[in-house]
Structures are given as structure tokens and as C-alpha cells.
């Protein structure tokens, strides 16, 4: 059976795509990528398998839940929306490379503002591709073939979370292969920096979860909850003001 893996902007999407490409290879599956580019992690591979692992970026539900694949396993790679605010702020301000005209306009604005005012600008403008996408996914989260893997769970117990996600796709990965992937794609191995040591000029800024607590002021938290508290609840995350 085919399967779908959905990744989203500023949710560890490069990390997730690398990991599930490895899973597809280990299970001898074709790899199909939506919006393919010359980037190695965004290229499709055909190995003459009857089954395909499809990698999506910022997909809408109707693009994935289409006729003929309604029962195929779907994996949503999710992250705490509050952490996404922080990650996207620094990315759009300093490090994102494949920039649209919109991102470049925001980069100019964010550079001229304080961190607090910059985050407030993004929140008030509702300029978060991940959150926009998840607002559309929220009504179908109860579907039996829809599964979730959380960025935070991978950080806290990689082996348990990752192997469970692979099994949800109807695929297999052994313990040795899991351990090898955890080491190969660890923050420490890729960036040569310990998780938690921040570099705001690096695409791999910090490699931790819960960092929003270091940045959210009362004003940011209130604005975030005004726009996204209900979404956090539907995704199983706490709002900013508790």
C-alpha cells in the first residue's frame, strides 16, 4: 500500500524528509515528492516498486485525501505552534534561503523591528504557513488512517516515537537502523553544536522544544492565543497563557 508523509514549514521539515526517505529506501519503496526541486531531499526516486512513499510539503487535506488513496496511511509531522512562531521569526529574518517576494518584504520589516514587535507582526498578520495548513487539517484529524508524529516526541524519545510512526505507515524499521538514523541525523552530528546552544544566523538555530518560553512576552502570548489558542487545543498543545 502507498503511504503519505506530510511535512510543514518550520516544523523540522528537512529533518523529517531525510528520515522518511531513509525509511522508504529500507523498505524498497518508490519516493514521490510534491513540488520537487534539485535539492536531494526533494527529488523523487523510482525503484520499480508497487508501493510509493509520498512526501508532501505544506499540503492541503484535499491534496492528500484524494480518490483512490482514501485508505492509505497518512502521517502528519507536527510541532508546537508556539515554537513555530519563534522558529519562523528567526528564519524569515535571517536564514531562510528559498525566499519568495513575501518573505523578503517581511525580512526588511523584521530587521527594522525589535524581536517582540517582529513576532507580534507575524502573529497579527497570521503569516504562518504551518498554522494555516493545520487549520485546514484540524477537522479531519480523527480519521482512522491519519497518524501524527510530533517533533517534541522525537526529541524526548527518538526510537519509540520514530518506530511507532514507521509502523503506522505499514512499514518496518529495526532497532539497529533506528539507532543509526538517530545518530546520523542528530542535531549534534549535522550542526556540530550541542542542542540548546543557539545561533540565530544558522538554519539549524537551536534544536530544542519549548523555546517559545524564552521569547514570549505577555503581549506576544496574548496575541498568539487570540489567533491560535483554539488551533493549539485541536492539535493537543497548550495555549500560551495558562
Protein backbone atom coordinates (compact mmCIF):
# COMPACT_ATOMS: atom_id res chain seq x y z
CA UNK A 1 0.00 0.00 0.00
CA UNK A 2 1.14 3.54 -0.71
CA UNK A 3 1.61 5.96 2.17
CA UNK A 4 1.84 9.73 2.65
CA UNK A 5 4.15 11.78 4.86
CA UNK A 6 3.16 15.44 5.29
CA UNK A 7 5.79 17.95 6.41
CA UNK A 8 5.36 21.63 7.15
CA UNK A 9 7.39 24.85 7.05
CA UNK A 10 9.49 25.41 10.22
CA UNK A 11 8.48 22.09 11.75
CA UNK A 12 11.72 20.24 11.20
CA UNK A 13 10.60 19.50 7.66
CA UNK A 14 14.11 18.90 6.29
CA UNK A 15 14.81 16.54 9.18
CA UNK A 16 11.56 14.63 8.67
CA UNK A 17 12.06 14.33 4.90
CA UNK A 18 15.56 12.93 5.36
CA UNK A 19 14.34 10.38 7.88
CA UNK A 20 11.40 9.08 5.84
CA UNK A 21 13.42 8.93 2.64
CA UNK A 22 15.67 6.52 4.53
CA UNK A 23 12.60 4.54 5.62
CA UNK A 24 11.38 4.32 2.03
CA UNK A 25 14.79 3.08 0.90
CA UNK A 26 14.97 0.48 3.69
CA UNK A 27 11.51 -0.78 2.63
CA UNK A 28 12.36 -0.70 -1.11
CA UNK A 29 9.65 1.86 -1.94
CA UNK A 30 9.46 4.45 -4.65
CA UNK A 31 9.74 8.03 -3.37
CA UNK A 32 7.45 10.69 -4.80
CA UNK A 33 7.92 14.32 -3.77
CA UNK A 34 5.38 17.09 -4.22
CA UNK A 35 6.88 20.28 -5.65
CA UNK A 36 10.21 18.55 -6.45
CA UNK A 37 13.40 20.60 -6.73
CA UNK A 38 17.07 19.92 -7.36
CA UNK A 39 17.61 19.57 -3.61
CA UNK A 40 18.50 15.96 -2.79
CA UNK A 41 15.80 15.63 -0.13
CA UNK A 42 13.17 16.98 -2.53
CA UNK A 43 13.77 14.69 -5.50
CA UNK A 44 11.69 11.68 -6.47
CA UNK A 45 13.11 8.17 -6.88
CA UNK A 46 11.54 5.31 -8.83
CA UNK A 47 12.78 1.81 -7.95
CA UNK A 48 10.02 -0.15 -9.75
CA UNK A 49 8.20 -0.91 -6.51
CA UNK A 50 4.46 -1.48 -6.43
CA UNK A 51 4.29 0.87 -3.47
CA UNK A 52 5.28 4.52 -3.05
CA UNK A 53 6.03 6.78 -0.12
CA UNK A 54 4.81 10.27 -0.99
CA UNK A 55 6.46 13.28 0.67
CA UNK A 56 4.36 16.43 0.84
CA UNK A 57 5.30 19.97 1.87
CA UNK A 58 2.62 22.21 3.40
CA UNK A 59 -0.16 20.17 1.80
CA UNK A 60 -3.86 20.86 2.00
CA UNK A 61 -6.02 17.92 3.10
CA UNK A 62 -7.80 17.59 -0.23
CA UNK A 63 -4.44 17.19 -1.96
CA UNK A 64 -3.69 14.11 0.12
CA UNK A 65 -7.14 12.70 0.84
CA UNK A 66 -7.88 12.09 -2.80
CA UNK A 67 -9.87 9.43 -4.63
CA UNK A 68 -8.12 6.08 -4.85
CA UNK A 69 -5.90 6.66 -1.79
CA UNK A 70 -8.55 7.31 0.84
CA UNK A 71 -7.40 4.36 2.98
CA UNK A 72 -3.67 4.92 2.58
CA UNK A 73 -1.81 5.67 5.84
CA UNK A 74 -1.09 9.38 6.29
CA UNK A 75 1.48 10.76 8.71
CA UNK A 76 1.39 14.40 9.81
CA UNK A 77 4.73 15.71 11.11
CA UNK A 78 3.64 18.28 13.68
CA UNK A 79 5.30 20.78 16.00
CA UNK A 80 4.09 23.01 18.84
CA UNK A 81 2.64 26.09 17.10
CA UNK A 82 4.24 28.36 19.72
CA UNK A 83 7.72 27.10 18.85
CA UNK A 84 6.91 27.58 15.17
CA UNK A 85 6.39 31.30 15.80
CA UNK A 86 9.93 31.60 17.17
CA UNK A 87 11.49 29.38 14.51
CA UNK A 88 9.82 31.16 11.63
CA UNK A 89 10.64 34.59 13.04
CA UNK A 90 14.39 33.91 13.03
CA UNK A 91 14.24 32.07 9.73
CA UNK A 92 12.38 34.80 7.87
CA UNK A 93 14.54 37.47 9.47
CA UNK A 94 17.97 35.88 8.99
CA UNK A 95 18.39 32.47 7.44
CA UNK A 96 15.72 31.24 5.02
CA UNK A 97 17.27 30.88 1.55
CA UNK A 98 14.47 29.94 -0.87
CA UNK A 99 12.79 33.29 -0.39
CA UNK A 100 9.60 34.45 -2.01
CA UNK A 101 8.93 38.14 -2.53
CA UNK A 102 6.70 37.98 0.56
CA UNK A 103 9.47 36.63 2.79
CA UNK A 104 11.88 39.27 1.52
CA UNK A 105 9.34 42.01 2.34
CA UNK A 106 8.92 40.61 5.83
CA UNK A 107 12.69 40.28 6.25
CA UNK A 108 13.06 44.02 5.70
CA UNK A 109 10.32 44.75 8.23
CA UNK A 110 11.59 42.29 10.83
CA UNK A 111 15.11 43.66 10.61
CA UNK A 112 13.81 47.10 11.49
CA UNK A 113 11.76 45.91 14.49
CA UNK A 114 12.55 44.57 17.93
CA UNK A 115 12.15 40.83 18.47
CA UNK A 116 8.88 41.36 20.33
CA UNK A 117 7.43 43.68 17.70
CA UNK A 118 8.59 41.39 14.92
CA UNK A 119 6.87 38.36 16.39
CA UNK A 120 3.75 40.42 17.02
CA UNK A 121 3.77 41.50 13.38
CA UNK A 122 3.83 37.90 12.17
CA UNK A 123 1.12 36.86 14.62
CA UNK A 124 -1.21 39.76 13.87
CA UNK A 125 -0.66 39.21 10.13
CA UNK A 126 -1.31 35.46 10.54
CA UNK A 127 1.68 34.74 8.33
CA UNK A 128 2.45 31.14 9.30
CA UNK A 129 2.23 28.52 6.51
CA UNK A 130 2.19 25.67 9.05
CA UNK A 131 -0.61 27.12 11.13
CA UNK A 132 -2.66 27.97 8.05
CA UNK A 133 -2.23 24.40 6.81
CA UNK A 134 -3.12 22.85 10.18
CA UNK A 135 -6.30 24.91 10.46
CA UNK A 136 -7.45 23.03 7.35
CA UNK A 137 -6.28 19.66 8.69
CA UNK A 138 -7.88 20.04 12.13
CA UNK A 139 -11.41 18.92 11.06
CA UNK A 140 -10.12 15.58 9.70
CA UNK A 141 -7.67 14.67 12.48
CA UNK A 142 -9.99 11.90 13.70
CA UNK A 143 -9.70 9.81 10.52
CA UNK A 144 -8.55 6.26 11.23
CA UNK A 145 -5.79 6.31 8.61
CA UNK A 146 -4.40 9.63 9.85
CA UNK A 147 -1.44 9.43 12.24
CA UNK A 148 0.72 12.07 13.92
CA UNK A 149 4.36 12.29 14.87
CA UNK A 150 5.41 15.22 16.99
CA UNK A 151 8.76 16.99 16.78
CA UNK A 152 8.81 17.09 20.58
CA UNK A 153 8.36 13.32 20.90
CA UNK A 154 11.29 12.67 18.59
CA UNK A 155 13.47 14.86 20.77
CA UNK A 156 12.40 13.19 24.02
CA UNK A 157 12.45 9.53 22.87
CA UNK A 158 13.53 9.21 19.25
CA UNK A 159 13.46 5.41 18.99
CA UNK A 160 9.98 4.99 20.47
CA UNK A 161 8.36 7.83 18.53
CA UNK A 162 10.05 7.09 15.23
CA UNK A 163 9.44 3.35 15.17
CA UNK A 164 5.78 3.91 16.10
CA UNK A 165 5.41 6.36 13.21
CA UNK A 166 7.01 3.94 10.75
CA UNK A 167 4.68 1.16 11.88
CA UNK A 168 1.70 3.49 11.42
CA UNK A 169 2.65 3.68 7.74
CA UNK A 170 2.59 -0.10 7.49
CA UNK A 171 6.38 -0.19 7.13
CA UNK A 172 9.23 -1.66 9.16
CA UNK A 173 12.48 -0.47 10.66
CA UNK A 174 14.70 -2.43 13.01
CA UNK A 175 16.31 -1.23 16.20
CA UNK A 176 19.85 -1.04 14.73
CA UNK A 177 18.61 1.01 11.76
CA UNK A 178 16.69 3.30 14.10
CA UNK A 179 19.75 3.91 16.23
CA UNK A 180 21.86 4.60 13.14
CA UNK A 181 19.36 7.17 11.82
CA UNK A 182 19.11 8.87 15.22
CA UNK A 183 22.88 9.37 15.24
CA UNK A 184 23.22 10.24 11.54
CA UNK A 185 20.57 12.97 11.65
CA UNK A 186 21.10 14.24 15.18
CA UNK A 187 21.42 17.99 15.70
CA UNK A 188 24.85 17.40 17.18
CA UNK A 189 26.09 15.44 14.15
CA UNK A 190 24.63 17.72 11.48
CA UNK A 191 25.44 21.09 13.06
CA UNK A 192 28.46 20.22 15.21
CA UNK A 193 26.83 22.08 18.07
CA UNK A 194 25.06 20.91 21.21
CA UNK A 195 21.24 21.17 21.23
CA UNK A 196 20.22 24.30 23.11
CA UNK A 197 23.26 26.32 22.02
CA UNK A 198 21.56 29.00 19.93
CA UNK A 199 22.84 30.50 16.69
CA UNK A 200 20.22 32.84 15.21
CA UNK A 201 22.18 33.10 11.94
CA UNK A 202 22.01 29.33 11.33
CA UNK A 203 19.16 27.45 9.65
CA UNK A 204 19.62 24.92 12.47
CA UNK A 205 19.15 27.51 15.18
CA UNK A 206 18.77 25.62 18.45
CA UNK A 207 17.45 22.07 18.10
CA UNK A 208 15.18 22.04 21.17
CA UNK A 209 11.49 22.20 22.01
CA UNK A 210 9.77 24.67 24.33
CA UNK A 211 11.99 27.57 23.28
CA UNK A 212 8.92 29.81 22.92
CA UNK A 213 9.05 30.29 26.71
CA UNK A 214 12.33 32.19 26.27
CA UNK A 215 10.76 34.64 23.81
CA UNK A 216 7.05 35.06 24.51
CA UNK A 217 6.28 38.22 26.45
CA UNK A 218 2.83 38.84 27.92
CA UNK A 219 1.94 40.77 24.76
CA UNK A 220 3.11 38.02 22.42
CA UNK A 221 1.32 35.32 24.44
CA UNK A 222 -1.94 37.27 24.47
CA UNK A 223 -1.79 37.96 20.74
CA UNK A 224 -0.91 34.34 19.97
CA UNK A 225 -3.82 32.99 21.98
CA UNK A 226 -6.22 35.43 20.38
CA UNK A 227 -5.41 33.97 16.97
CA UNK A 228 -4.32 30.40 17.65
CA UNK A 229 -5.47 29.10 21.08
CA UNK A 230 -8.28 27.05 19.51
CA UNK A 231 -5.89 25.55 16.97
CA UNK A 232 -3.46 24.57 19.73
CA UNK A 233 -6.30 22.83 21.54
CA UNK A 234 -7.36 20.87 18.45
CA UNK A 235 -3.74 19.76 17.89
CA UNK A 236 -3.25 18.76 21.52
CA UNK A 237 -0.95 21.61 22.54
CA UNK A 238 -1.38 24.11 25.37
CA UNK A 239 -2.17 27.74 24.67
CA UNK A 240 0.44 30.35 25.59
CA UNK A 241 -1.32 31.86 28.61
CA UNK A 242 -2.11 29.14 31.15
